[in-house]
Structures are given as C-alpha cells and as structure tokens.
Amino acid sequence: IFTENKLSCLVVNMSNPYILNLDLENILKEPFKSNLKIKN
C-alpha cells in the first residue's frame, strides 16, 4: 500500500487463510533428495 507521503507498508487479510504444505521432500528419495539441481 502506497500513500501520498510515499510511505509504504504490506497488508493481508487473515480471516480466511489458505494453507500450503511445502512437503514434497517427503516423497523424494536419495539421491534425488540431495541433488542441488532438483532442490533449486
């Protein structure tokens, strides 16, 4: 959010949150789990 004073801040509505589980590593097995290209 920008204002006339050029101050800015970030805002978010938390009343109805959406959940994202970053858990793909659970499925990956070695050697893919430690592979830097796959991680990136």
Full PDB file with SEQRES, HELIX, SHEET, SSBOND, CRYST1, ORIGX, SCALE, CONECT and MASTER records, all heavy atoms in Angstrom:
SEQRES   1 A   40  ILE PHE THR GLU ASN LYS LEU SER CYS LEU VAL VAL ASN          
SEQRES   2 A   40  MET SER ASN PRO TYR ILE LEU ASN LEU ASP LEU GLU ASN          
SEQRES   3 A   40  ILE LEU LYS GLU PRO PHE LYS SER ASN LEU LYS ILE LYS          
SEQRES   4 A   40  ASN                                                          
HELIX    1 AA1 LEU A   24  ASN A   26  5                                   3    
HELIX    2 AA2 PHE A   32  SER A   34  5                                   3    
HELIX    3 AA3 LEU A   36  LYS A   39  1                                   4    
CRYST1    1.000    1.000    1.000  90.00  90.00  90.00 P 1           1          
ORIGX1      1.000000  0.000000  0.000000        0.00000                         
ORIGX2      0.000000  1.000000  0.000000        0.00000                         
ORIGX3      0.000000  0.000000  1.000000        0.00000                         
SCALE1      1.000000  0.000000  0.000000        0.00000                         
SCALE2      0.000000  1.000000  0.000000        0.00000                         
SCALE3      0.000000  0.000000  1.000000        0.00000                         
ATOM      1  N   ILE A   1       0.855  -1.196   0.000  1.00  0.00           N  
ATOM      2  CA  ILE A   1       0.000   0.000   0.000  1.00  0.00           C  
ATOM      3  C   ILE A   1       0.890   1.244   0.000  1.00  0.00           C  
ATOM      4  O   ILE A   1       1.762   1.388   0.855  1.00  0.00           O  
ATOM      5  CB  ILE A   1      -0.917   0.030   1.246  1.00  0.00           C  
ATOM      6  CG1 ILE A   1      -1.721  -1.272   1.374  1.00  0.00           C  
ATOM      7  CG2 ILE A   1      -1.847   1.234   1.216  1.00  0.00           C  
ATOM      8  CD1 ILE A   1      -2.641  -1.573   0.226  1.00  0.00           C  
ATOM      9  N   PHE A   2       0.667   2.135  -0.975  1.00  0.00           N  
ATOM     10  CA  PHE A   2       1.415   3.406  -1.042  1.00  0.00           C  
ATOM     11  C   PHE A   2       0.477   4.555  -0.686  1.00  0.00           C  
ATOM     12  O   PHE A   2      -0.721   4.505  -0.933  1.00  0.00           O  
ATOM     13  CB  PHE A   2       1.969   3.630  -2.447  1.00  0.00           C  
ATOM     14  CG  PHE A   2       3.050   2.656  -2.831  1.00  0.00           C  
ATOM     15  CD1 PHE A   2       2.738   1.505  -3.540  1.00  0.00           C  
ATOM     16  CD2 PHE A   2       4.365   2.889  -2.467  1.00  0.00           C  
ATOM     17  CE1 PHE A   2       3.723   0.600  -3.888  1.00  0.00           C  
ATOM     18  CE2 PHE A   2       5.359   1.983  -2.818  1.00  0.00           C  
ATOM     19  CZ  PHE A   2       5.042   0.841  -3.529  1.00  0.00           C  
ATOM     20  N   THR A   3       1.055   5.610  -0.115  1.00  0.00           N  
ATOM     21  CA  THR A   3       0.276   6.805   0.222  1.00  0.00           C  
ATOM     22  C   THR A   3       0.931   8.043  -0.386  1.00  0.00           C  
ATOM     23  O   THR A   3       2.012   7.964  -0.967  1.00  0.00           O  
ATOM     24  CB  THR A   3       0.195   6.986   1.750  1.00  0.00           C  
ATOM     25  OG1 THR A   3       1.517   7.256   2.247  1.00  0.00           O  
ATOM     26  CG2 THR A   3      -0.349   5.753   2.433  1.00  0.00           C  
ATOM     27  N   GLU A   4       0.276   9.184  -0.229  1.00  0.00           N  
ATOM     28  CA  GLU A   4       0.816  10.435  -0.768  1.00  0.00           C  
ATOM     29  C   GLU A   4       2.161  10.795  -0.141  1.00  0.00           C  
ATOM     30  O   GLU A   4       2.998  11.447  -0.741  1.00  0.00           O  
ATOM     31  CB  GLU A   4      -0.182  11.574  -0.542  1.00  0.00           C  
ATOM     32  CG  GLU A   4      -1.408  11.470  -1.435  1.00  0.00           C  
ATOM     33  CD  GLU A   4      -2.377  12.611  -1.218  1.00  0.00           C  
ATOM     34  OE1 GLU A   4      -2.024  13.560  -0.491  1.00  0.00           O  
ATOM     35  OE2 GLU A   4      -3.481  12.558  -1.795  1.00  0.00           O  
ATOM     36  N   ASN A   5       2.370  10.366   1.091  1.00  0.00           N  
ATOM     37  CA  ASN A   5       3.643  10.638   1.768  1.00  0.00           C  
ATOM     38  C   ASN A   5       4.749   9.686   1.319  1.00  0.00           C  
ATOM     39  O   ASN A   5       5.853   9.727   1.835  1.00  0.00           O  
ATOM     40  CB  ASN A   5       3.474  10.510   3.287  1.00  0.00           C  
ATOM     41  CG  ASN A   5       2.514  11.541   3.822  1.00  0.00           C  
ATOM     42  OD1 ASN A   5       2.354  12.604   3.231  1.00  0.00           O  
ATOM     43  ND2 ASN A   5       1.867  11.232   4.928  1.00  0.00           N  
ATOM     44  N   LYS A   6       4.430   8.815   0.356  1.00  0.00           N  
ATOM     45  CA  LYS A   6       5.357   7.823  -0.201  1.00  0.00           C  
ATOM     46  C   LYS A   6       5.848   6.817   0.850  1.00  0.00           C  
ATOM     47  O   LYS A   6       6.887   6.208   0.701  1.00  0.00           O  
ATOM     48  CB  LYS A   6       6.550   8.520  -0.875  1.00  0.00           C  
ATOM     49  CG  LYS A   6       6.126   9.313  -2.107  1.00  0.00           C  
ATOM     50  CD  LYS A   6       7.310   9.888  -2.845  1.00  0.00           C  
ATOM     51  CE  LYS A   6       6.845  10.625  -4.104  1.00  0.00           C  
ATOM     52  NZ  LYS A   6       7.942  11.277  -4.813  1.00  0.00           N  
ATOM     53  N   LEU A   7       5.085   6.720   1.928  1.00  0.00           N  
ATOM     54  CA  LEU A   7       5.363   5.658   2.890  1.00  0.00           C  
ATOM     55  C   LEU A   7       4.611   4.413   2.414  1.00  0.00           C  
ATOM     56  O   LEU A   7       3.528   4.527   1.864  1.00  0.00           O  
ATOM     57  CB  LEU A   7       4.856   6.044   4.280  1.00  0.00           C  
ATOM     58  CG  LEU A   7       5.638   7.143   5.003  1.00  0.00           C  
ATOM     59  CD1 LEU A   7       4.880   7.584   6.235  1.00  0.00           C  
ATOM     60  CD2 LEU A   7       7.013   6.640   5.414  1.00  0.00           C  
ATOM     61  N   SER A   8       5.207   3.286   2.591  1.00  0.00           N  
ATOM     62  CA  SER A   8       4.526   2.069   2.135  1.00  0.00           C  
ATOM     63  C   SER A   8       4.520   1.029   3.243  1.00  0.00           C  
ATOM     64  O   SER A   8       5.381   1.017   4.119  1.00  0.00           O  
ATOM     65  CB  SER A   8       5.210   1.499   0.899  1.00  0.00           C  
ATOM     66  OG  SER A   8       6.426   0.880   1.243  1.00  0.00           O  
ATOM     67  N   CYS A   9       3.533   0.147   3.181  1.00  0.00           N  
ATOM     68  CA  CYS A   9       3.513  -0.995   4.097  1.00  0.00           C  
ATOM     69  C   CYS A   9       2.808  -2.144   3.389  1.00  0.00           C  
ATOM     70  O   CYS A   9       2.161  -1.952   2.350  1.00  0.00           O  
ATOM     71  CB  CYS A   9       2.845  -0.638   5.416  1.00  0.00           C  
ATOM     72  SG  CYS A   9       1.067  -0.443   5.304  1.00  0.00           S  
ATOM     73  N   LEU A  10       2.944  -3.327   3.936  1.00  0.00           N  
ATOM     74  CA  LEU A  10       2.320  -4.517   3.368  1.00  0.00           C  
ATOM     75  C   LEU A  10       1.180  -4.966   4.267  1.00  0.00           C  
ATOM     76  O   LEU A  10       1.327  -4.990   5.498  1.00  0.00           O  
ATOM     77  CB  LEU A  10       3.348  -5.641   3.229  1.00  0.00           C  
ATOM     78  CG  LEU A  10       4.518  -5.372   2.276  1.00  0.00           C  
ATOM     79  CD1 LEU A  10       5.585  -6.442   2.438  1.00  0.00           C  
ATOM     80  CD2 LEU A  10       4.061  -5.330   0.838  1.00  0.00           C  
ATOM     81  N   VAL A  11       0.054  -5.331   3.668  1.00  0.00           N  
ATOM     82  CA  VAL A  11      -1.112  -5.750   4.457  1.00  0.00           C  
ATOM     83  C   VAL A  11      -1.697  -7.050   3.896  1.00  0.00           C  
ATOM     84  O   VAL A  11      -1.541  -7.340   2.712  1.00  0.00           O  
ATOM     85  CB  VAL A  11      -2.218  -4.667   4.469  1.00  0.00           C  
ATOM     86  CG1 VAL A  11      -1.716  -3.387   5.110  1.00  0.00           C  
ATOM     87  CG2 VAL A  11      -2.741  -4.385   3.059  1.00  0.00           C  
ATOM     88  N   VAL A  12      -2.351  -7.813   4.783  1.00  0.00           N  
ATOM     89  CA  VAL A  12      -3.001  -9.056   4.333  1.00  0.00           C  
ATOM     90  C   VAL A  12      -4.212  -9.351   5.215  1.00  0.00           C  
ATOM     91  O   VAL A  12      -4.224  -9.057   6.404  1.00  0.00           O  
ATOM     92  CB  VAL A  12      -2.008 -10.244   4.362  1.00  0.00           C  
ATOM     93  CG1 VAL A  12      -1.681 -10.669   5.785  1.00  0.00           C  
ATOM     94  CG2 VAL A  12      -2.525 -11.421   3.559  1.00  0.00           C  
ATOM     95  N   ASN A  13      -5.235  -9.918   4.571  1.00  0.00           N  
ATOM     96  CA  ASN A  13      -6.445 -10.341   5.276  1.00  0.00           C  
ATOM     97  C   ASN A  13      -6.243 -11.771   5.789  1.00  0.00           C  
ATOM     98  O   ASN A  13      -6.014 -12.686   5.000  1.00  0.00           O  
ATOM     99  CB  ASN A  13      -7.631 -10.281   4.300  1.00  0.00           C  
ATOM    100  CG  ASN A  13      -8.949 -10.621   4.956  1.00  0.00           C  
ATOM    101  OD1 ASN A  13      -8.991 -11.125   6.071  1.00  0.00           O  
ATOM    102  ND2 ASN A  13     -10.031 -10.351   4.261  1.00  0.00           N  
ATOM    103  N   MET A  14      -6.309 -11.949   7.110  1.00  0.00           N  
ATOM    104  CA  MET A  14      -6.058 -13.259   7.718  1.00  0.00           C  
ATOM    105  C   MET A  14      -7.347 -13.998   8.095  1.00  0.00           C  
ATOM    106  O   MET A  14      -7.287 -15.065   8.709  1.00  0.00           O  
ATOM    107  CB  MET A  14      -5.200 -13.095   8.976  1.00  0.00           C  
ATOM    108  CG  MET A  14      -3.825 -12.529   8.724  1.00  0.00           C  
ATOM    109  SD  MET A  14      -3.005 -11.979  10.248  1.00  0.00           S  
ATOM    110  CE  MET A  14      -2.952 -13.482  11.206  1.00  0.00           C  
ATOM    111  N   SER A  15      -8.499 -13.440   7.731  1.00  0.00           N  
ATOM    112  CA  SER A  15      -9.770 -14.016   8.198  1.00  0.00           C  
ATOM    113  C   SER A  15     -10.097 -15.350   7.536  1.00  0.00           C  
ATOM    114  O   SER A  15     -10.844 -16.159   8.082  1.00  0.00           O  
ATOM    115  CB  SER A  15     -10.915 -13.032   7.951  1.00  0.00           C  
ATOM    116  OG  SER A  15     -11.070 -12.786   6.566  1.00  0.00           O  
ATOM    117  N   ASN A  16      -9.539 -15.594   6.346  1.00  0.00           N  
ATOM    118  CA  ASN A  16      -9.835 -16.843   5.631  1.00  0.00           C  
ATOM    119  C   ASN A  16      -8.542 -17.387   5.014  1.00  0.00           C  
ATOM    120  O   ASN A  16      -8.356 -17.355   3.806  1.00  0.00           O  
ATOM    121  CB  ASN A  16     -10.884 -16.564   4.534  1.00  0.00           C  
ATOM    122  CG  ASN A  16     -11.372 -17.837   3.895  1.00  0.00           C  
ATOM    123  OD1 ASN A  16     -11.386 -18.892   4.514  1.00  0.00           O  
ATOM    124  ND2 ASN A  16     -11.748 -17.747   2.631  1.00  0.00           N  
ATOM    125  N   PRO A  17      -7.615 -17.880   5.853  1.00  0.00           N  
ATOM    126  CA  PRO A  17      -6.292 -18.274   5.349  1.00  0.00           C  
ATOM    127  C   PRO A  17      -6.320 -19.553   4.512  1.00  0.00           C  
ATOM    128  O   PRO A  17      -7.144 -20.439   4.731  1.00  0.00           O  
ATOM    129  CB  PRO A  17      -5.482 -18.484   6.628  1.00  0.00           C  
ATOM    130  CG  PRO A  17      -6.492 -18.831   7.659  1.00  0.00           C  
ATOM    131  CD  PRO A  17      -7.747 -18.102   7.299  1.00  0.00           C  
ATOM    132  N   TYR A  18      -5.396 -19.633   3.562  1.00  0.00           N  
ATOM    133  CA  TYR A  18      -5.206 -20.838   2.744  1.00  0.00           C  
ATOM    134  C   TYR A  18      -3.866 -21.458   3.136  1.00  0.00           C  
ATOM    135  O   TYR A  18      -2.887 -20.745   3.355  1.00  0.00           O  
ATOM    136  CB  TYR A  18      -5.231 -20.488   1.251  1.00  0.00           C  
ATOM    137  CG  TYR A  18      -6.571 -19.948   0.823  1.00  0.00           C  
ATOM    138  CD1 TYR A  18      -6.855 -18.584   0.909  1.00  0.00           C  
ATOM    139  CD2 TYR A  18      -7.574 -20.799   0.359  1.00  0.00           C  
ATOM    140  CE1 TYR A  18      -8.099 -18.085   0.545  1.00  0.00           C  
ATOM    141  CE2 TYR A  18      -8.821 -20.303  -0.007  1.00  0.00           C  
ATOM    142  CZ  TYR A  18      -9.073 -18.957   0.085  1.00  0.00           C  
ATOM    143  OH  TYR A  18     -10.304 -18.463  -0.264  1.00  0.00           O  
ATOM    144  N   ILE A  19      -3.841 -22.776   3.233  1.00  0.00           N  
ATOM    145  CA  ILE A  19      -2.650 -23.467   3.729  1.00  0.00           C  
ATOM    146  C   ILE A  19      -1.930 -24.174   2.582  1.00  0.00           C  
ATOM    147  O   ILE A  19      -2.549 -24.872   1.786  1.00  0.00           O  
ATOM    148  CB  ILE A  19      -3.025 -24.520   4.803  1.00  0.00           C  
ATOM    149  CG1 ILE A  19      -3.837 -23.887   5.927  1.00  0.00           C  
ATOM    150  CG2 ILE A  19      -1.776 -25.204   5.350  1.00  0.00           C  
ATOM    151  CD1 ILE A  19      -3.157 -22.812   6.703  1.00  0.00           C  
ATOM    152  N   LEU A  20      -0.615 -23.973   2.523  1.00  0.00           N  
ATOM    153  CA  LEU A  20       0.223 -24.661   1.543  1.00  0.00           C  
ATOM    154  C   LEU A  20       1.304 -25.419   2.301  1.00  0.00           C  
ATOM    155  O   LEU A  20       2.131 -24.814   2.990  1.00  0.00           O  
ATOM    156  CB  LEU A  20       0.849 -23.642   0.587  1.00  0.00           C  
ATOM    157  CG  LEU A  20       1.723 -24.187  -0.548  1.00  0.00           C  
ATOM    158  CD1 LEU A  20       0.915 -25.073  -1.493  1.00  0.00           C  
ATOM    159  CD2 LEU A  20       2.355 -23.051  -1.331  1.00  0.00           C  
ATOM    160  N   ASN A  21       1.291 -26.753   2.212  1.00  0.00           N  
ATOM    161  CA  ASN A  21       2.317 -27.564   2.880  1.00  0.00           C  
ATOM    162  C   ASN A  21       3.489 -27.803   1.934  1.00  0.00           C  
ATOM    163  O   ASN A  21       3.336 -28.457   0.898  1.00  0.00           O  
ATOM    164  CB  ASN A  21       1.727 -28.913   3.317  1.00  0.00           C  
ATOM    165  CG  ASN A  21       0.920 -28.801   4.585  1.00  0.00           C  
ATOM    166  OD1 ASN A  21       1.319 -28.114   5.522  1.00  0.00           O  
ATOM    167  ND2 ASN A  21      -0.223 -29.458   4.622  1.00  0.00           N  
ATOM    168  N   LEU A  22       4.658 -27.277   2.297  1.00  0.00           N  
ATOM    169  CA  LEU A  22       5.853 -27.438   1.459  1.00  0.00           C  
ATOM    170  C   LEU A  22       6.540 -28.751   1.849  1.00  0.00           C  
ATOM    171  O   LEU A  22       7.569 -28.768   2.521  1.00  0.00           O  
ATOM    172  CB  LEU A  22       6.796 -26.241   1.659  1.00  0.00           C  
ATOM    173  CG  LEU A  22       6.154 -24.856   1.483  1.00  0.00           C  
ATOM    174  CD1 LEU A  22       7.162 -23.754   1.773  1.00  0.00           C  
ATOM    175  CD2 LEU A  22       5.590 -24.687   0.074  1.00  0.00           C  
ATOM    176  N   ASP A  23       5.956 -29.866   1.403  1.00  0.00           N  
ATOM    177  CA  ASP A  23       6.403 -31.168   1.917  1.00  0.00           C  
ATOM    178  C   ASP A  23       6.781 -32.173   0.827  1.00  0.00           C  
ATOM    179  O   ASP A  23       6.744 -33.379   1.052  1.00  0.00           O  
ATOM    180  CB  ASP A  23       5.324 -31.766   2.815  1.00  0.00           C  
ATOM    181  CG  ASP A  23       4.007 -31.983   2.083  1.00  0.00           C  
ATOM    182  OD1 ASP A  23       3.913 -31.568   0.918  1.00  0.00           O  
ATOM    183  OD2 ASP A  23       3.084 -32.573   2.663  1.00  0.00           O  
ATOM    184  N   LEU A  24       7.140 -31.670  -0.348  1.00  0.00           N  
ATOM    185  CA  LEU A  24       7.482 -32.590  -1.435  1.00  0.00           C  
ATOM    186  C   LEU A  24       8.719 -33.435  -1.099  1.00  0.00           C  
ATOM    187  O   LEU A  24       8.893 -34.536  -1.623  1.00  0.00           O  
ATOM    188  CB  LEU A  24       7.709 -31.819  -2.738  1.00  0.00           C  
ATOM    189  CG  LEU A  24       7.693 -32.653  -4.025  1.00  0.00           C  
ATOM    190  CD1 LEU A  24       6.351 -33.334  -4.226  1.00  0.00           C  
ATOM    191  CD2 LEU A  24       8.023 -31.807  -5.229  1.00  0.00           C  
ATOM    192  N   GLU A  25       9.582 -32.908  -0.213  1.00  0.00           N  
ATOM    193  CA  GLU A  25      10.779 -33.656   0.188  1.00  0.00           C  
ATOM    194  C   GLU A  25      10.426 -34.997   0.828  1.00  0.00           C  
ATOM    195  O   GLU A  25      11.233 -35.928   0.816  1.00  0.00           O  
ATOM    196  CB  GLU A  25      11.625 -32.850   1.187  1.00  0.00           C  
ATOM    197  CG  GLU A  25      12.343 -31.666   0.588  1.00  0.00           C  
ATOM    198  CD  GLU A  25      11.540 -30.379   0.697  1.00  0.00           C  
ATOM    199  OE1 GLU A  25      10.299 -30.476   0.793  1.00  0.00           O  
ATOM    200  OE2 GLU A  25      12.144 -29.297   0.679  1.00  0.00           O  
ATOM    201  N   ASN A  26       9.196 -35.102   1.378  1.00  0.00           N  
ATOM    202  CA  ASN A  26       8.769 -36.366   1.995  1.00  0.00           C  
ATOM    203  C   ASN A  26       8.697 -37.495   0.971  1.00  0.00           C  
ATOM    204  O   ASN A  26       8.908 -38.657   1.296  1.00  0.00           O  
ATOM    205  CB  ASN A  26       7.373 -36.219   2.618  1.00  0.00           C  
ATOM    206  CG  ASN A  26       7.358 -35.190   3.725  1.00  0.00           C  
ATOM    207  OD1 ASN A  26       8.406 -34.710   4.140  1.00  0.00           O  
ATOM    208  ND2 ASN A  26       6.188 -34.837   4.192  1.00  0.00           N  
ATOM    209  N   ILE A  27       8.367 -37.125  -0.269  1.00  0.00           N  
ATOM    210  CA  ILE A  27       8.184 -38.125  -1.325  1.00  0.00           C  
ATOM    211  C   ILE A  27       9.508 -38.472  -2.000  1.00  0.00           C  
ATOM    212  O   ILE A  27       9.746 -39.610  -2.376  1.00  0.00           O  
ATOM    213  CB  ILE A  27       7.153 -37.615  -2.369  1.00  0.00           C  
ATOM    214  CG1 ILE A  27       5.804 -37.358  -1.677  1.00  0.00           C  
ATOM    215  CG2 ILE A  27       6.969 -38.603  -3.504  1.00  0.00           C  
ATOM    216  CD1 ILE A  27       4.871 -36.483  -2.474  1.00  0.00           C  
ATOM    217  N   LEU A  28      10.384 -37.452  -2.138  1.00  0.00           N  
ATOM    218  CA  LEU A  28      11.671 -37.674  -2.808  1.00  0.00           C  
ATOM    219  C   LEU A  28      12.584 -38.575  -1.993  1.00  0.00           C  
ATOM    220  O   LEU A  28      12.647 -38.463  -0.776  1.00  0.00           O  
ATOM    221  CB  LEU A  28      12.371 -36.336  -3.064  1.00  0.00           C  
ATOM    222  CG  LEU A  28      11.710 -35.382  -4.055  1.00  0.00           C  
ATOM    223  CD1 LEU A  28      12.441 -34.056  -4.069  1.00  0.00           C  
ATOM    224  CD2 LEU A  28      11.693 -35.974  -5.461  1.00  0.00           C  
ATOM    225  N   LYS A  29      13.299 -39.442  -2.679  1.00  0.00           N  
ATOM    226  CA  LYS A  29      14.275 -40.318  -2.010  1.00  0.00           C  
ATOM    227  C   LYS A  29      15.678 -40.012  -2.535  1.00  0.00           C  
ATOM    228  O   LYS A  29      15.838 -39.338  -3.546  1.00  0.00           O  
ATOM    229  CB  LYS A  29      13.911 -41.789  -2.262  1.00  0.00           C  
ATOM    230  CG  LYS A  29      12.591 -42.192  -1.627  1.00  0.00           C  
ATOM    231  CD  LYS A  29      12.279 -43.660  -1.844  1.00  0.00           C  
ATOM    232  CE  LYS A  29      10.947 -44.033  -1.206  1.00  0.00           C  
ATOM    233  NZ  LYS A  29      10.618 -45.450  -1.412  1.00  0.00           N  
ATOM    234  N   GLU A  30      16.673 -40.489  -1.828  1.00  0.00           N  
ATOM    235  CA  GLU A  30      18.060 -40.312  -2.279  1.00  0.00           C  
ATOM    236  C   GLU A  30      18.279 -41.120  -3.565  1.00  0.00           C  
ATOM    237  O   GLU A  30      17.674 -42.168  -3.730  1.00  0.00           O  
ATOM    238  CB  GLU A  30      19.046 -40.784  -1.194  1.00  0.00           C  
ATOM    239  CG  GLU A  30      18.965 -39.997   0.108  1.00  0.00           C  
ATOM    240  CD  GLU A  30      19.373 -38.528  -0.031  1.00  0.00           C  
ATOM    241  OE1 GLU A  30      19.820 -38.128  -1.125  1.00  0.00           O  
ATOM    242  OE2 GLU A  30      19.224 -37.796   0.948  1.00  0.00           O  
ATOM    243  N   PRO A  31      19.120 -40.632  -4.497  1.00  0.00           N  
ATOM    244  CA  PRO A  31      19.982 -39.439  -4.429  1.00  0.00           C  
ATOM    245  C   PRO A  31      19.272 -38.144  -4.846  1.00  0.00           C  
ATOM    246  O   PRO A  31      19.855 -37.079  -4.807  1.00  0.00           O  
ATOM    247  CB  PRO A  31      21.093 -39.764  -5.410  1.00  0.00           C  
ATOM    248  CG  PRO A  31      20.415 -40.599  -6.456  1.00  0.00           C  
ATOM    249  CD  PRO A  31      19.363 -41.400  -5.733  1.00  0.00           C  
ATOM    250  N   PHE A  32      17.980 -38.227  -5.242  1.00  0.00           N  
ATOM    251  CA  PHE A  32      17.262 -37.032  -5.729  1.00  0.00           C  
ATOM    252  C   PHE A  32      17.069 -35.999  -4.621  1.00  0.00           C  
ATOM    253  O   PHE A  32      17.110 -34.801  -4.859  1.00  0.00           O  
ATOM    254  CB  PHE A  32      15.901 -37.426  -6.312  1.00  0.00           C  
ATOM    255  CG  PHE A  32      16.004 -38.501  -7.360  1.00  0.00           C  
ATOM    256  CD1 PHE A  32      15.538 -39.783  -7.105  1.00  0.00           C  
ATOM    257  CD2 PHE A  32      16.576 -38.240  -8.590  1.00  0.00           C  
ATOM    258  CE1 PHE A  32      15.640 -40.770  -8.065  1.00  0.00           C  
ATOM    259  CE2 PHE A  32      16.681 -39.233  -9.551  1.00  0.00           C  
ATOM    260  CZ  PHE A  32      16.221 -40.501  -9.283  1.00  0.00           C  
ATOM    261  N   LYS A  33      16.862 -36.486  -3.389  1.00  0.00           N  
ATOM    262  CA  LYS A  33      16.586 -35.602  -2.259  1.00  0.00           C  
ATOM    263  C   LYS A  33      17.728 -34.614  -2.006  1.00  0.00           C  
ATOM    264  O   LYS A  33      17.504 -33.480  -1.583  1.00  0.00           O  
ATOM    265  CB  LYS A  33      16.344 -36.453  -1.017  1.00  0.00           C  
ATOM    266  CG  LYS A  33      15.554 -35.754   0.068  1.00  0.00           C  
ATOM    267  CD  LYS A  33      15.186 -36.725   1.168  1.00  0.00           C  
ATOM    268  CE  LYS A  33      14.292 -36.056   2.194  1.00  0.00           C  
ATOM    269  NZ  LYS A  33      13.844 -36.993   3.226  1.00  0.00           N  
ATOM    270  N   SER A  34      18.972 -35.043  -2.261  1.00  0.00           N  
ATOM    271  CA  SER A  34      20.156 -34.200  -2.006  1.00  0.00           C  
ATOM    272  C   SER A  34      20.699 -33.530  -3.266  1.00  0.00           C  
ATOM    273  O   SER A  34      21.688 -32.806  -3.198  1.00  0.00           O  
ATOM    274  CB  SER A  34      21.263 -35.046  -1.362  1.00  0.00           C  
ATOM    275  OG  SER A  34      20.790 -35.659  -0.193  1.00  0.00           O  
ATOM    276  N   ASN A  35      20.051 -33.772  -4.397  1.00  0.00           N  
ATOM    277  CA  ASN A  35      20.532 -33.212  -5.662  1.00  0.00           C  
ATOM    278  C   ASN A  35      20.253 -31.707  -5.717  1.00  0.00           C  
ATOM    279  O   ASN A  35      19.111 -31.267  -5.606  1.00  0.00           O  
ATOM    280  CB  ASN A  35      19.835 -33.937  -6.823  1.00  0.00           C  
ATOM    281  CG  ASN A  35      20.417 -33.550  -8.161  1.00  0.00           C  
ATOM    282  OD1 ASN A  35      20.437 -32.381  -8.530  1.00  0.00           O  
ATOM    283  ND2 ASN A  35      20.876 -34.542  -8.896  1.00  0.00           N  
ATOM    284  N   LEU A  36      21.304 -30.894  -5.893  1.00  0.00           N  
ATOM    285  CA  LEU A  36      21.171 -29.426  -5.866  1.00  0.00           C  
ATOM    286  C   LEU A  36      20.279 -28.899  -6.983  1.00  0.00           C  
ATOM    287  O   LEU A  36      19.519 -27.954  -6.790  1.00  0.00           O  
ATOM    288  CB  LEU A  36      22.553 -28.767  -5.953  1.00  0.00           C  
ATOM    289  CG  LEU A  36      23.356 -28.723  -4.646  1.00  0.00           C  
ATOM    290  CD1 LEU A  36      24.740 -28.164  -4.885  1.00  0.00           C  
ATOM    291  CD2 LEU A  36      22.640 -27.899  -3.582  1.00  0.00           C  
ATOM    292  N   LYS A  37      20.373 -29.516  -8.172  1.00  0.00           N  
ATOM    293  CA  LYS A  37      19.540 -29.074  -9.307  1.00  0.00           C  
ATOM    294  C   LYS A  37      18.056 -29.278  -8.989  1.00  0.00           C  
ATOM    295  O   LYS A  37      17.223 -28.421  -9.283  1.00  0.00           O  
ATOM    296  CB  LYS A  37      19.918 -29.848 -10.579  1.00  0.00           C  
ATOM    297  CG  LYS A  37      21.213 -29.376 -11.216  1.00  0.00           C  
ATOM    298  CD  LYS A  37      21.465 -30.094 -12.522  1.00  0.00           C  
ATOM    299  CE  LYS A  37      22.751 -29.584 -13.183  1.00  0.00           C  
ATOM    300  NZ  LYS A  37      23.030 -30.315 -14.444  1.00  0.00           N  
ATOM    301  N   ILE A  38      17.751 -30.417  -8.394  1.00  0.00           N  
ATOM    302  CA  ILE A  38      16.355 -30.713  -8.030  1.00  0.00           C  
ATOM    303  C   ILE A  38      15.895 -29.778  -6.920  1.00  0.00           C  
ATOM    304  O   ILE A  38      14.774 -29.262  -6.954  1.00  0.00           O  
ATOM    305  CB  ILE A  38      16.202 -32.196  -7.611  1.00  0.00           C  
ATOM    306  CG1 ILE A  38      16.391 -33.092  -8.835  1.00  0.00           C  
ATOM    307  CG2 ILE A  38      14.825 -32.459  -6.978  1.00  0.00           C  
ATOM    308  CD1 ILE A  38      16.416 -34.567  -8.550  1.00  0.00           C  
ATOM    309  N   LYS A  39      16.777 -29.518  -5.951  1.00  0.00           N  
ATOM    310  CA  LYS A  39      16.442 -28.593  -4.844  1.00  0.00           C  
ATOM    311  C   LYS A  39      16.127 -27.195  -5.373  1.00  0.00           C  
ATOM    312  O   LYS A  39      15.152 -26.566  -4.979  1.00  0.00           O  
ATOM    313  CB  LYS A  39      17.611 -28.521  -3.852  1.00  0.00           C  
ATOM    314  CG  LYS A  39      17.655 -29.660  -2.855  1.00  0.00           C  
ATOM    315  CD  LYS A  39      18.762 -29.420  -1.845  1.00  0.00           C  
ATOM    316  CE  LYS A  39      18.724 -30.456  -0.737  1.00  0.00           C  
ATOM    317  NZ  LYS A  39      19.776 -30.218   0.282  1.00  0.00           N  
ATOM    318  N   ASN A  40      16.983 -26.694  -6.288  1.00  0.00           N  
ATOM    319  CA  ASN A  40      16.769 -25.357  -6.871  1.00  0.00           C  
ATOM    320  C   ASN A  40      15.503 -25.305  -7.707  1.00  0.00           C  
ATOM    321  O   ASN A  40      14.767 -24.308  -7.689  1.00  0.00           O  
ATOM    322  CB  ASN A  40      17.980 -24.946  -7.726  1.00  0.00           C  
ATOM    323  CG  ASN A  40      19.209 -24.663  -6.870  1.00  0.00           C  
ATOM    324  OD1 ASN A  40      19.076 -24.240  -5.723  1.00  0.00           O  
ATOM    325  ND2 ASN A  40      20.387 -24.896  -7.403  1.00  0.00           N  
TER     326      ASN A  40                                                      
MASTER        0    0    0    3    0    0    0    6  325    1    0    4          
END                                                                             
